[in-house]
Amino acid sequence: MLTENQVKILMKLHELEQSLAELYALFQEKFPEHKNLWSVLVKEELEHAKAVQDLYRLTYEKDASFSEGLIKLSAVESIVDYVKSNCEIGRRDGMDADQALELSRDIEKSLIAKNIFGHFKVRLEYTGMLHRLRADSERHAQLVQDEINRHKKRRYV
C-alpha cells in the first residue's frame, strides 16, 4: 500500500510528464524546423503520463511497488513549476529554438526526469513495459543532444 507521500509524488510525476508533453507540443508549434524531435517527445511523454497512472493502479492491485528513494515531493513540485514557467515563457515568444533545445536537454538530463521509472518494481509480466519506459526516458536527453548537434552543424555549413 502506498503512503500518502508516495501518492502525492506519483500525482506530481504524472503532472510532470503531462507538463513536459505540453512544453514539447508548444515547441513543436513554435519551432517546426525540429518537429520530428518534438513529435517524438510529445508522444512519449504522454505515454509516460499514462504509464504513471497505470503503475499507480498496479500498486493497488499488488502487481507493482513504488519506492520514492531520494525523490522528494518538493523537488518534483519544483521541476513541475519550472516546466510550467518555461511554457509561459515560450508562449510569450521568450525563447528561440536554441534555447528550447538546450532547456529540453537540461530537463531530460535531470535526475528525476531520467530515473522516474527506476523507482518501480513490477511483476514479471510488466517488466517489458517498465524497461521500455526507462529506455525512453534515458534516450530523450540523447535525442535532444543529437538535434542540437545537427542544428549547430546546419548553421555553420
N, C-alpha and C. Protein backbone atom coordinates (compact mmCIF):
# COMPACT_ATOMS: atom_id res chain seq x y z
N MET A 1 0.84 -1.17 0.00
CA MET A 1 0.00 0.00 0.00
C MET A 1 0.89 1.24 0.00
N LEU A 2 0.49 2.21 -0.77
CA LEU A 2 1.25 3.45 -0.87
C LEU A 2 0.97 4.36 0.32
N THR A 3 2.01 5.07 0.74
CA THR A 3 1.81 6.08 1.77
C THR A 3 1.22 7.33 1.12
N GLU A 4 0.73 8.23 1.94
CA GLU A 4 0.18 9.48 1.43
C GLU A 4 1.23 10.26 0.64
N ASN A 5 2.46 10.28 1.13
CA ASN A 5 3.54 10.99 0.43
C ASN A 5 3.84 10.35 -0.92
N GLN A 6 3.82 9.02 -0.98
CA GLN A 6 4.06 8.33 -2.24
C GLN A 6 2.97 8.66 -3.25
N VAL A 7 1.73 8.70 -2.81
CA VAL A 7 0.61 9.04 -3.70
C VAL A 7 0.82 10.45 -4.24
N LYS A 8 1.19 11.38 -3.37
CA LYS A 8 1.43 12.77 -3.80
C LYS A 8 2.57 12.84 -4.81
N ILE A 9 3.62 12.09 -4.57
CA ILE A 9 4.75 12.07 -5.51
C ILE A 9 4.29 11.54 -6.86
N LEU A 10 3.54 10.44 -6.86
CA LEU A 10 3.08 9.86 -8.12
C LEU A 10 2.15 10.82 -8.86
N MET A 11 1.31 11.52 -8.14
CA MET A 11 0.44 12.50 -8.79
C MET A 11 1.27 13.62 -9.42
N LYS A 12 2.31 14.05 -8.73
CA LYS A 12 3.18 15.10 -9.27
C LYS A 12 4.01 14.56 -10.44
N LEU A 13 4.42 13.31 -10.38
CA LEU A 13 5.16 12.72 -11.50
C LEU A 13 4.27 12.67 -12.74
N HIS A 14 3.01 12.33 -12.54
CA HIS A 14 2.05 12.33 -13.65
C HIS A 14 1.92 13.74 -14.21
N GLU A 15 1.80 14.72 -13.34
CA GLU A 15 1.70 16.12 -13.77
C GLU A 15 2.97 16.55 -14.50
N LEU A 16 4.12 16.08 -14.03
CA LEU A 16 5.38 16.40 -14.70
C LEU A 16 5.40 15.88 -16.12
N GLU A 17 5.01 14.64 -16.30
CA GLU A 17 5.00 14.05 -17.64
C GLU A 17 4.03 14.80 -18.56
N GLN A 18 2.87 15.16 -18.04
CA GLN A 18 1.91 15.92 -18.84
C GLN A 18 2.45 17.32 -19.16
N SER A 19 3.10 17.93 -18.21
CA SER A 19 3.66 19.27 -18.42
C SER A 19 4.78 19.23 -19.46
N LEU A 20 5.58 18.18 -19.43
CA LEU A 20 6.62 18.04 -20.44
C LEU A 20 6.00 17.88 -21.83
N ALA A 21 4.95 17.09 -21.93
CA ALA A 21 4.27 16.92 -23.22
C ALA A 21 3.73 18.27 -23.69
N GLU A 22 3.19 19.06 -22.79
CA GLU A 22 2.67 20.38 -23.14
C GLU A 22 3.80 21.30 -23.62
N LEU A 23 4.92 21.27 -22.92
CA LEU A 23 6.06 22.10 -23.31
C LEU A 23 6.55 21.71 -24.70
N TYR A 24 6.70 20.42 -24.95
CA TYR A 24 7.20 19.97 -26.24
C TYR A 24 6.19 20.22 -27.36
N ALA A 25 4.90 20.16 -27.05
CA ALA A 25 3.88 20.49 -28.05
C ALA A 25 3.97 21.97 -28.41
N LEU A 26 4.22 22.81 -27.42
CA LEU A 26 4.42 24.23 -27.68
C LEU A 26 5.64 24.44 -28.58
N PHE A 27 6.72 23.77 -28.26
CA PHE A 27 7.94 23.88 -29.07
C PHE A 27 7.71 23.36 -30.48
N GLN A 28 6.90 22.32 -30.62
CA GLN A 28 6.59 21.79 -31.94
C GLN A 28 5.89 22.85 -32.78
N GLU A 29 5.02 23.59 -32.16
CA GLU A 29 4.30 24.66 -32.85
C GLU A 29 5.23 25.84 -33.16
N LYS A 30 6.05 26.22 -32.20
CA LYS A 30 6.90 27.41 -32.34
C LYS A 30 8.15 27.17 -33.19
N PHE A 31 8.67 25.95 -33.16
CA PHE A 31 9.93 25.65 -33.83
C PHE A 31 9.76 24.43 -34.74
N PRO A 32 9.00 24.61 -35.82
CA PRO A 32 8.69 23.47 -36.69
C PRO A 32 9.92 22.87 -37.38
N GLU A 33 11.02 23.60 -37.40
CA GLU A 33 12.23 23.04 -38.01
C GLU A 33 12.74 21.82 -37.23
N HIS A 34 12.23 21.62 -36.02
CA HIS A 34 12.62 20.47 -35.19
C HIS A 34 11.40 19.59 -34.89
N LYS A 35 10.41 19.63 -35.78
CA LYS A 35 9.13 18.97 -35.49
C LYS A 35 9.26 17.47 -35.25
N ASN A 36 10.19 16.81 -35.92
CA ASN A 36 10.33 15.36 -35.71
C ASN A 36 10.72 15.05 -34.27
N LEU A 37 11.67 15.82 -33.74
CA LEU A 37 12.07 15.63 -32.35
C LEU A 37 10.90 15.89 -31.41
N TRP A 38 10.26 17.05 -31.60
CA TRP A 38 9.18 17.43 -30.69
C TRP A 38 8.04 16.41 -30.74
N SER A 39 7.71 15.92 -31.92
CA SER A 39 6.59 14.97 -32.01
C SER A 39 6.90 13.67 -31.28
N VAL A 40 8.15 13.21 -31.37
CA VAL A 40 8.55 12.01 -30.63
C VAL A 40 8.43 12.26 -29.12
N LEU A 41 8.94 13.41 -28.68
CA LEU A 41 8.93 13.70 -27.25
C LEU A 41 7.50 13.87 -26.72
N VAL A 42 6.65 14.56 -27.48
CA VAL A 42 5.25 14.73 -27.06
C VAL A 42 4.60 13.36 -26.91
N LYS A 43 4.73 12.55 -27.92
CA LYS A 43 4.11 11.21 -27.91
C LYS A 43 4.59 10.39 -26.72
N GLU A 44 5.89 10.38 -26.50
CA GLU A 44 6.44 9.54 -25.44
C GLU A 44 6.14 10.11 -24.05
N GLU A 45 6.11 11.42 -23.89
CA GLU A 45 5.77 11.99 -22.58
C GLU A 45 4.31 11.70 -22.24
N LEU A 46 3.43 11.74 -23.23
CA LEU A 46 2.03 11.37 -22.98
C LEU A 46 1.92 9.89 -22.61
N GLU A 47 2.71 9.06 -23.28
CA GLU A 47 2.75 7.63 -22.92
C GLU A 47 3.25 7.46 -21.49
N HIS A 48 4.24 8.25 -21.12
CA HIS A 48 4.79 8.15 -19.76
C HIS A 48 3.77 8.61 -18.72
N ALA A 49 3.00 9.65 -19.04
CA ALA A 49 1.96 10.10 -18.12
C ALA A 49 0.95 8.99 -17.89
N LYS A 50 0.55 8.33 -18.97
CA LYS A 50 -0.39 7.21 -18.84
C LYS A 50 0.25 6.06 -18.07
N ALA A 51 1.54 5.84 -18.30
CA ALA A 51 2.24 4.76 -17.60
C ALA A 51 2.29 5.01 -16.10
N VAL A 52 2.48 6.26 -15.69
CA VAL A 52 2.48 6.57 -14.26
C VAL A 52 1.11 6.22 -13.67
N GLN A 53 0.04 6.55 -14.39
CA GLN A 53 -1.31 6.18 -13.94
C GLN A 53 -1.45 4.66 -13.85
N ASP A 54 -0.97 3.97 -14.88
CA ASP A 54 -1.06 2.51 -14.89
C ASP A 54 -0.26 1.90 -13.74
N LEU A 55 0.93 2.42 -13.52
CA LEU A 55 1.77 1.89 -12.44
C LEU A 55 1.14 2.18 -11.08
N TYR A 56 0.54 3.33 -10.95
CA TYR A 56 -0.18 3.67 -9.72
C TYR A 56 -1.29 2.64 -9.47
N ARG A 57 -2.06 2.35 -10.52
CA ARG A 57 -3.12 1.35 -10.42
C ARG A 57 -2.55 -0.02 -10.05
N LEU A 58 -1.43 -0.38 -10.68
CA LEU A 58 -0.81 -1.68 -10.42
C LEU A 58 -0.34 -1.81 -8.98
N THR A 59 0.04 -0.70 -8.35
CA THR A 59 0.45 -0.79 -6.94
C THR A 59 -0.74 -1.20 -6.07
N TYR A 60 -1.93 -0.71 -6.42
CA TYR A 60 -3.11 -1.08 -5.64
C TYR A 60 -3.56 -2.51 -5.92
N GLU A 61 -3.22 -3.00 -7.09
CA GLU A 61 -3.54 -4.39 -7.43
C GLU A 61 -2.44 -5.34 -6.98
N LYS A 62 -1.43 -4.78 -6.32
CA LYS A 62 -0.28 -5.52 -5.79
C LYS A 62 0.55 -6.18 -6.88
N ASP A 63 0.52 -5.58 -8.10
CA ASP A 63 1.35 -6.06 -9.19
C ASP A 63 2.59 -5.20 -9.37
N ALA A 64 2.69 -4.15 -8.56
CA ALA A 64 3.85 -3.25 -8.61
C ALA A 64 4.04 -2.62 -7.25
N SER A 65 5.24 -2.11 -7.05
CA SER A 65 5.51 -1.33 -5.84
C SER A 65 6.30 -0.10 -6.25
N PHE A 66 6.20 0.92 -5.42
CA PHE A 66 6.90 2.18 -5.68
C PHE A 66 7.65 2.57 -4.43
N SER A 67 8.92 2.87 -4.61
CA SER A 67 9.75 3.36 -3.52
C SER A 67 10.33 4.69 -3.95
N GLU A 68 9.98 5.75 -3.24
CA GLU A 68 10.43 7.07 -3.68
C GLU A 68 11.93 7.27 -3.52
N GLY A 69 12.58 6.45 -2.71
CA GLY A 69 14.03 6.60 -2.56
C GLY A 69 14.39 8.03 -2.19
N LEU A 70 15.23 8.64 -2.99
CA LEU A 70 15.68 10.00 -2.71
C LEU A 70 14.78 11.07 -3.34
N ILE A 71 13.72 10.65 -4.04
CA ILE A 71 12.82 11.63 -4.66
C ILE A 71 12.03 12.32 -3.56
N LYS A 72 12.12 13.62 -3.55
CA LYS A 72 11.36 14.44 -2.60
C LYS A 72 10.21 15.11 -3.32
N LEU A 73 9.05 15.14 -2.68
CA LEU A 73 7.89 15.79 -3.26
C LEU A 73 8.20 17.22 -3.65
N SER A 74 8.90 17.93 -2.80
CA SER A 74 9.24 19.33 -3.09
C SER A 74 10.10 19.47 -4.34
N ALA A 75 10.97 18.50 -4.58
CA ALA A 75 11.82 18.54 -5.78
C ALA A 75 10.98 18.34 -7.03
N VAL A 76 10.04 17.40 -6.99
CA VAL A 76 9.18 17.16 -8.15
C VAL A 76 8.30 18.38 -8.39
N GLU A 77 7.77 18.96 -7.31
CA GLU A 77 6.96 20.17 -7.44
C GLU A 77 7.76 21.30 -8.07
N SER A 78 9.02 21.43 -7.69
CA SER A 78 9.87 22.48 -8.26
C SER A 78 10.10 22.28 -9.75
N ILE A 79 10.31 21.04 -10.15
CA ILE A 79 10.52 20.76 -11.57
C ILE A 79 9.24 21.02 -12.36
N VAL A 80 8.10 20.62 -11.82
CA VAL A 80 6.82 20.88 -12.49
C VAL A 80 6.64 22.39 -12.66
N ASP A 81 6.90 23.14 -11.59
CA ASP A 81 6.77 24.61 -11.67
C ASP A 81 7.73 25.18 -12.70
N TYR A 82 8.93 24.65 -12.76
CA TYR A 82 9.95 25.10 -13.72
C TYR A 82 9.48 24.85 -15.15
N VAL A 83 8.96 23.67 -15.41
CA VAL A 83 8.47 23.33 -16.74
C VAL A 83 7.30 24.24 -17.12
N LYS A 84 6.37 24.42 -16.19
CA LYS A 84 5.22 25.27 -16.47
C LYS A 84 5.62 26.72 -16.69
N SER A 85 6.59 27.21 -15.94
CA SER A 85 7.03 28.60 -16.14
C SER A 85 7.70 28.75 -17.50
N ASN A 86 8.39 27.72 -17.95
CA ASN A 86 9.00 27.77 -19.28
C ASN A 86 7.96 27.65 -20.38
N CYS A 87 6.85 27.00 -20.10
CA CYS A 87 5.73 27.01 -21.06
C CYS A 87 5.24 28.43 -21.23
N GLU A 88 5.10 29.15 -20.14
CA GLU A 88 4.64 30.54 -20.21
C GLU A 88 5.64 31.41 -20.96
N ILE A 89 6.91 31.24 -20.68
CA ILE A 89 7.95 32.00 -21.39
C ILE A 89 7.88 31.70 -22.88
N GLY A 90 7.73 30.42 -23.22
CA GLY A 90 7.62 30.02 -24.63
C GLY A 90 6.40 30.60 -25.31
N ARG A 91 5.29 30.63 -24.60
CA ARG A 91 4.06 31.20 -25.17
C ARG A 91 4.22 32.69 -25.47
N ARG A 92 5.02 33.37 -24.67
CA ARG A 92 5.24 34.80 -24.87
C ARG A 92 6.39 35.07 -25.84
N ASP A 93 6.81 34.04 -26.58
CA ASP A 93 7.94 34.16 -27.51
C ASP A 93 9.21 34.61 -26.79
N GLY A 94 9.38 34.10 -25.58
CA GLY A 94 10.53 34.48 -24.78
C GLY A 94 11.75 33.60 -24.96
N MET A 95 11.72 32.71 -25.95
CA MET A 95 12.91 31.89 -26.22
C MET A 95 12.96 31.52 -27.69
N ASP A 96 14.17 31.27 -28.13
CA ASP A 96 14.36 30.86 -29.52
C ASP A 96 14.57 29.34 -29.56
N ALA A 97 14.76 28.82 -30.76
CA ALA A 97 14.88 27.37 -30.94
C ALA A 97 16.09 26.81 -30.18
N ASP A 98 17.21 27.54 -30.21
CA ASP A 98 18.39 27.06 -29.49
C ASP A 98 18.11 26.95 -27.99
N GLN A 99 17.46 27.95 -27.45
CA GLN A 99 17.13 27.93 -26.02
C GLN A 99 16.16 26.80 -25.70
N ALA A 100 15.20 26.57 -26.58
CA ALA A 100 14.23 25.49 -26.37
C ALA A 100 14.94 24.14 -26.36
N LEU A 101 15.85 23.95 -27.28
CA LEU A 101 16.60 22.69 -27.33
C LEU A 101 17.45 22.50 -26.08
N GLU A 102 18.15 23.54 -25.69
CA GLU A 102 19.03 23.43 -24.51
C GLU A 102 18.21 23.21 -23.24
N LEU A 103 17.09 23.90 -23.13
CA LEU A 103 16.21 23.70 -21.98
C LEU A 103 15.72 22.25 -21.94
N SER A 104 15.30 21.75 -23.07
CA SER A 104 14.79 20.37 -23.15
C SER A 104 15.87 19.37 -22.77
N ARG A 105 17.07 19.58 -23.27
CA ARG A 105 18.18 18.68 -22.92
C ARG A 105 18.41 18.70 -21.42
N ASP A 106 18.45 19.89 -20.84
CA ASP A 106 18.73 20.01 -19.40
C ASP A 106 17.64 19.35 -18.56
N ILE A 107 16.40 19.55 -18.95
CA ILE A 107 15.30 18.92 -18.22
C ILE A 107 15.40 17.40 -18.32
N GLU A 108 15.65 16.91 -19.53
CA GLU A 108 15.72 15.47 -19.73
C GLU A 108 16.92 14.84 -19.03
N LYS A 109 17.96 15.61 -18.83
CA LYS A 109 19.14 15.10 -18.14
C LYS A 109 18.96 15.12 -16.62
N SER A 110 17.95 15.83 -16.15
CA SER A 110 17.76 15.93 -14.70
C SER A 110 17.51 14.54 -14.12
N LEU A 111 17.92 14.36 -12.93
CA LEU A 111 17.86 13.05 -12.28
C LEU A 111 16.43 12.52 -12.20
N ILE A 112 15.48 13.36 -11.85
CA ILE A 112 14.11 12.87 -11.67
C ILE A 112 13.51 12.48 -13.01
N ALA A 113 13.67 13.34 -14.03
CA ALA A 113 13.07 13.03 -15.33
C ALA A 113 13.68 11.75 -15.91
N LYS A 114 14.95 11.54 -15.64
CA LYS A 114 15.65 10.40 -16.22
C LYS A 114 15.39 9.09 -15.47
N ASN A 115 15.05 9.19 -14.19
CA ASN A 115 15.01 7.97 -13.38
C ASN A 115 13.67 7.71 -12.71
N ILE A 116 12.62 8.31 -13.19
CA ILE A 116 11.30 8.11 -12.58
C ILE A 116 10.95 6.64 -12.49
N PHE A 117 11.13 5.94 -13.58
CA PHE A 117 10.66 4.56 -13.66
C PHE A 117 11.59 3.57 -12.97
N GLY A 118 12.76 4.05 -12.54
CA GLY A 118 13.66 3.20 -11.77
C GLY A 118 13.19 2.97 -10.35
N HIS A 119 12.15 3.68 -9.93
CA HIS A 119 11.64 3.57 -8.57
C HIS A 119 10.48 2.59 -8.44
N PHE A 120 10.17 1.93 -9.54
CA PHE A 120 9.09 0.96 -9.54
C PHE A 120 9.66 -0.45 -9.65
N LYS A 121 9.01 -1.37 -8.99
CA LYS A 121 9.25 -2.80 -9.18
C LYS A 121 7.91 -3.37 -9.59
N VAL A 122 7.94 -4.24 -10.60
CA VAL A 122 6.69 -4.80 -11.12
C VAL A 122 6.78 -6.31 -11.23
N ARG A 123 5.62 -6.93 -11.31
CA ARG A 123 5.57 -8.38 -11.55
C ARG A 123 6.17 -8.66 -12.93
N LEU A 124 6.59 -9.86 -13.12
CA LEU A 124 7.29 -10.28 -14.33
C LEU A 124 6.57 -9.88 -15.61
N GLU A 125 5.27 -10.00 -15.66
CA GLU A 125 4.55 -9.70 -16.90
C GLU A 125 4.57 -8.22 -17.28
N TYR A 126 4.98 -7.35 -16.37
CA TYR A 126 5.03 -5.91 -16.65
C TYR A 126 6.46 -5.39 -16.82
N THR A 127 7.43 -6.27 -16.75
CA THR A 127 8.83 -5.81 -16.83
C THR A 127 9.16 -5.22 -18.20
N GLY A 128 8.60 -5.76 -19.26
CA GLY A 128 8.86 -5.23 -20.59
C GLY A 128 8.42 -3.77 -20.70
N MET A 129 7.24 -3.47 -20.18
CA MET A 129 6.74 -2.10 -20.19
C MET A 129 7.68 -1.19 -19.41
N LEU A 130 8.10 -1.65 -18.24
CA LEU A 130 8.96 -0.83 -17.40
C LEU A 130 10.32 -0.61 -18.05
N HIS A 131 10.87 -1.63 -18.68
CA HIS A 131 12.16 -1.48 -19.38
C HIS A 131 12.05 -0.48 -20.53
N ARG A 132 10.95 -0.55 -21.28
CA ARG A 132 10.76 0.39 -22.38
C ARG A 132 10.65 1.81 -21.88
N LEU A 133 9.91 2.01 -20.81
CA LEU A 133 9.75 3.34 -20.24
C LEU A 133 11.08 3.90 -19.74
N ARG A 134 11.87 3.07 -19.09
CA ARG A 134 13.18 3.51 -18.62
C ARG A 134 14.07 3.87 -19.80
N ALA A 135 14.06 3.04 -20.83
CA ALA A 135 14.89 3.29 -22.01
C ALA A 135 14.46 4.58 -22.71
N ASP A 136 13.14 4.80 -22.84
CA ASP A 136 12.65 6.04 -23.44
C ASP A 136 13.17 7.25 -22.67
N SER A 137 13.04 7.20 -21.36
CA SER A 137 13.44 8.34 -20.53
C SER A 137 14.92 8.63 -20.68
N GLU A 138 15.73 7.61 -20.69
CA GLU A 138 17.17 7.81 -20.83
C GLU A 138 17.54 8.30 -22.23
N ARG A 139 16.78 7.87 -23.22
CA ARG A 139 17.06 8.22 -24.61
C ARG A 139 16.70 9.66 -24.94
N HIS A 140 15.76 10.25 -24.22
CA HIS A 140 15.30 11.60 -24.54
C HIS A 140 16.43 12.63 -24.54
N ALA A 141 17.27 12.61 -23.54
CA ALA A 141 18.37 13.58 -23.48
C ALA A 141 19.28 13.42 -24.69
N GLN A 142 19.52 12.18 -25.11
CA GLN A 142 20.38 11.95 -26.27
C GLN A 142 19.71 12.42 -27.56
N LEU A 143 18.41 12.20 -27.69
CA LEU A 143 17.70 12.68 -28.87
C LEU A 143 17.82 14.20 -28.99
N VAL A 144 17.64 14.88 -27.88
CA VAL A 144 17.73 16.35 -27.91
C VAL A 144 19.17 16.77 -28.22
N GLN A 145 20.14 16.12 -27.60
CA GLN A 145 21.54 16.48 -27.88
C GLN A 145 21.88 16.25 -29.34
N ASP A 146 21.41 15.17 -29.91
CA ASP A 146 21.65 14.91 -31.33
C ASP A 146 21.04 16.01 -32.20
N GLU A 147 19.86 16.47 -31.83
CA GLU A 147 19.21 17.55 -32.58
C GLU A 147 19.99 18.86 -32.44
N ILE A 148 20.51 19.12 -31.25
CA ILE A 148 21.35 20.31 -31.04
C ILE A 148 22.57 20.24 -31.94
N ASN A 149 23.19 19.10 -31.99
CA ASN A 149 24.39 18.93 -32.83
C ASN A 149 24.07 19.12 -34.31
N ARG A 150 22.95 18.55 -34.77
CA ARG A 150 22.55 18.72 -36.17
C ARG A 150 22.25 20.19 -36.47
N HIS A 151 21.59 20.83 -35.55
CA HIS A 151 21.21 22.24 -35.72
C HIS A 151 22.47 23.12 -35.81
N LYS A 152 23.43 22.87 -34.96
CA LYS A 152 24.68 23.64 -35.00
C LYS A 152 25.43 23.39 -36.30
N LYS A 153 25.44 22.16 -36.73
CA LYS A 153 26.14 21.80 -37.96
C LYS A 153 25.51 22.51 -39.16
N ARG A 154 24.18 22.56 -39.22
CA ARG A 154 23.49 23.23 -40.32
C ARG A 154 23.78 24.73 -40.32
N ARG A 155 23.91 25.31 -39.16
CA ARG A 155 24.17 26.74 -39.05
C ARG A 155 25.53 27.13 -39.58
N TYR A 156 26.50 26.25 -39.40
CA TYR A 156 27.87 26.59 -39.75
C TYR A 156 28.33 26.00 -41.06
N VAL A 157 27.45 25.39 -41.80
CA VAL A 157 27.83 24.80 -43.09
C VAL A 157 27.45 25.76 -44.20
